[in-house]
Every structure is written in structure tokens, then in C-alpha cells.
Amino acid sequence: MADDHSAESFSDADFAFLRYARFGELPSPVRPDDRVELTETGQLRDGPTVNPDEWQLRLGPGIA
């Protein structure tokens, strides 16, 4: 028994329609005027900001 692999071949227009039906339209590109400028900030401090007591108050209950 011979296998019949005669499948339909889609054209580029058919594939384009199927992509549109599945995903919809692409969003409009973001204009350079609509972008925001990033500002670098200082490094985040890891540790007590003023004194250990204040750090304990910020973290909540614990053993001092």
C-alpha cells in the first residue's frame, strides 16, 4: 500500500492571511519622541542607612 502525501501547498498570500488570523496586526512602531531617557542613579546601598537600630526597625521584628 503506497502512502499518499499529496498535501495542499499554501501560497505566500495564504500564509500571510493565516498569520494575520492567528496573531493580528503588529503594534505601531514607537516614535523616538515617545521614548523616555534613562537616568543612571547611584548604587543601591546594601546595609544600614543610618544605624543598626533603624535598620532593625525597617526589617521588622528580630533579634537585636
C-alpha atoms as a PDB file:
ATOM      1  CA  MET A   1       0.000   0.000   0.000  1.00  0.00           C
ATOM      2  CA  ALA A   2       1.502   3.295  -1.062  1.00  0.00           C
ATOM      3  CA  ASP A   3       1.305   6.355   1.168  1.00  0.00           C
ATOM      4  CA  ASP A   4      -0.395   9.313  -0.465  1.00  0.00           C
ATOM      5  CA  HIS A   5       1.282  12.515   0.782  1.00  0.00           C
ATOM      6  CA  SER A   6      -0.478  14.869  -1.581  1.00  0.00           C
ATOM      7  CA  ALA A   7      -0.993  17.779   0.771  1.00  0.00           C
ATOM      8  CA  GLU A   8      -2.143  21.194  -0.352  1.00  0.00           C
ATOM      9  CA  SER A   9       0.576  23.742  -0.833  1.00  0.00           C
ATOM     10  CA  PHE A  10      -0.136  27.207   0.535  1.00  0.00           C
ATOM     11  CA  SER A  11       0.951  30.345  -1.278  1.00  0.00           C
ATOM     12  CA  ASP A  12       2.706  33.255   0.435  1.00  0.00           C
ATOM     13  CA  ALA A  13      -0.578  35.159   0.464  1.00  0.00           C
ATOM     14  CA  ASP A  14      -2.300  32.220   2.179  1.00  0.00           C
ATOM     15  CA  PHE A  15       0.434  32.071   4.836  1.00  0.00           C
ATOM     16  CA  ALA A  16       0.185  35.843   5.336  1.00  0.00           C
ATOM     17  CA  PHE A  17      -3.575  35.556   5.892  1.00  0.00           C
ATOM     18  CA  LEU A  18      -3.115  32.678   8.348  1.00  0.00           C
ATOM     19  CA  ARG A  19      -0.505  34.700  10.292  1.00  0.00           C
ATOM     20  CA  TYR A  20      -2.865  37.681  10.398  1.00  0.00           C
ATOM     21  CA  ALA A  21      -5.767  35.477  11.545  1.00  0.00           C
ATOM     22  CA  ARG A  22      -3.652  33.971  14.323  1.00  0.00           C
ATOM     23  CA  PHE A  23      -1.657  36.963  15.571  1.00  0.00           C
ATOM     24  CA  GLY A  24      -3.470  40.054  14.297  1.00  0.00           C
ATOM     25  CA  GLU A  25      -1.642  43.239  13.390  1.00  0.00           C
ATOM     26  CA  LEU A  26       1.694  44.382  14.695  1.00  0.00           C
ATOM     27  CA  PRO A  27       1.576  47.389  17.024  1.00  0.00           C
ATOM     28  CA  SER A  28       2.674  50.668  15.525  1.00  0.00           C
ATOM     29  CA  PRO A  29       6.375  51.426  15.988  1.00  0.00           C
ATOM     30  CA  VAL A  30       7.391  53.654  18.883  1.00  0.00           C
ATOM     31  CA  ARG A  31       8.498  57.084  17.702  1.00  0.00           C
ATOM     32  CA  PRO A  32      11.791  58.411  19.092  1.00  0.00           C
ATOM     33  CA  ASP A  33       9.908  61.354  20.651  1.00  0.00           C
ATOM     34  CA  ASP A  34       7.748  58.935  22.668  1.00  0.00           C
ATOM     35  CA  ARG A  35      10.711  57.173  24.246  1.00  0.00           C
ATOM     36  CA  VAL A  36      11.976  58.120  27.682  1.00  0.00           C
ATOM     37  CA  GLU A  37      15.534  58.934  28.572  1.00  0.00           C
ATOM     38  CA  LEU A  38      17.042  56.785  31.295  1.00  0.00           C
ATOM     39  CA  THR A  39      18.900  58.431  34.131  1.00  0.00           C
ATOM     40  CA  GLU A  40      21.572  56.476  35.907  1.00  0.00           C
ATOM     41  CA  THR A  41      21.291  56.612  39.669  1.00  0.00           C
ATOM     42  CA  GLY A  42      23.779  55.884  42.386  1.00  0.00           C
ATOM     43  CA  GLN A  43      24.412  52.374  43.580  1.00  0.00           C
ATOM     44  CA  LEU A  44      21.915  50.832  45.951  1.00  0.00           C
ATOM     45  CA  ARG A  45      23.323  50.664  49.427  1.00  0.00           C
ATOM     46  CA  ASP A  46      23.170  47.235  50.970  1.00  0.00           C
ATOM     47  CA  GLY A  47      23.185  47.641  54.704  1.00  0.00           C
ATOM     48  CA  PRO A  48      22.222  50.025  57.483  1.00  0.00           C
ATOM     49  CA  THR A  49      21.447  53.511  56.251  1.00  0.00           C
ATOM     50  CA  VAL A  50      21.984  55.385  59.493  1.00  0.00           C
ATOM     51  CA  ASN A  51      22.447  52.998  62.381  1.00  0.00           C
ATOM     52  CA  PRO A  52      21.699  49.332  63.185  1.00  0.00           C
ATOM     53  CA  ASP A  53      18.647  50.228  65.307  1.00  0.00           C
ATOM     54  CA  GLU A  54      16.987  51.975  62.388  1.00  0.00           C
ATOM     55  CA  TRP A  55      17.830  49.003  60.145  1.00  0.00           C
ATOM     56  CA  GLN A  56      16.141  46.656  62.645  1.00  0.00           C
ATOM     57  CA  LEU A  57      13.032  48.848  62.627  1.00  0.00           C
ATOM     58  CA  ARG A  58      12.891  48.733  58.824  1.00  0.00           C
ATOM     59  CA  LEU A  59      13.258  44.946  58.616  1.00  0.00           C
ATOM     60  CA  GLY A  60      10.750  44.239  61.334  1.00  0.00           C
ATOM     61  CA  PRO A  61      10.967  42.162  64.490  1.00  0.00           C
ATOM     62  CA  GLY A  62      14.115  40.247  65.070  1.00  0.00           C
ATOM     63  CA  ILE A  63      16.913  39.598  67.469  1.00  0.00           C
ATOM     64  CA  ALA A  64      18.901  42.740  68.115  1.00  0.00           C
END
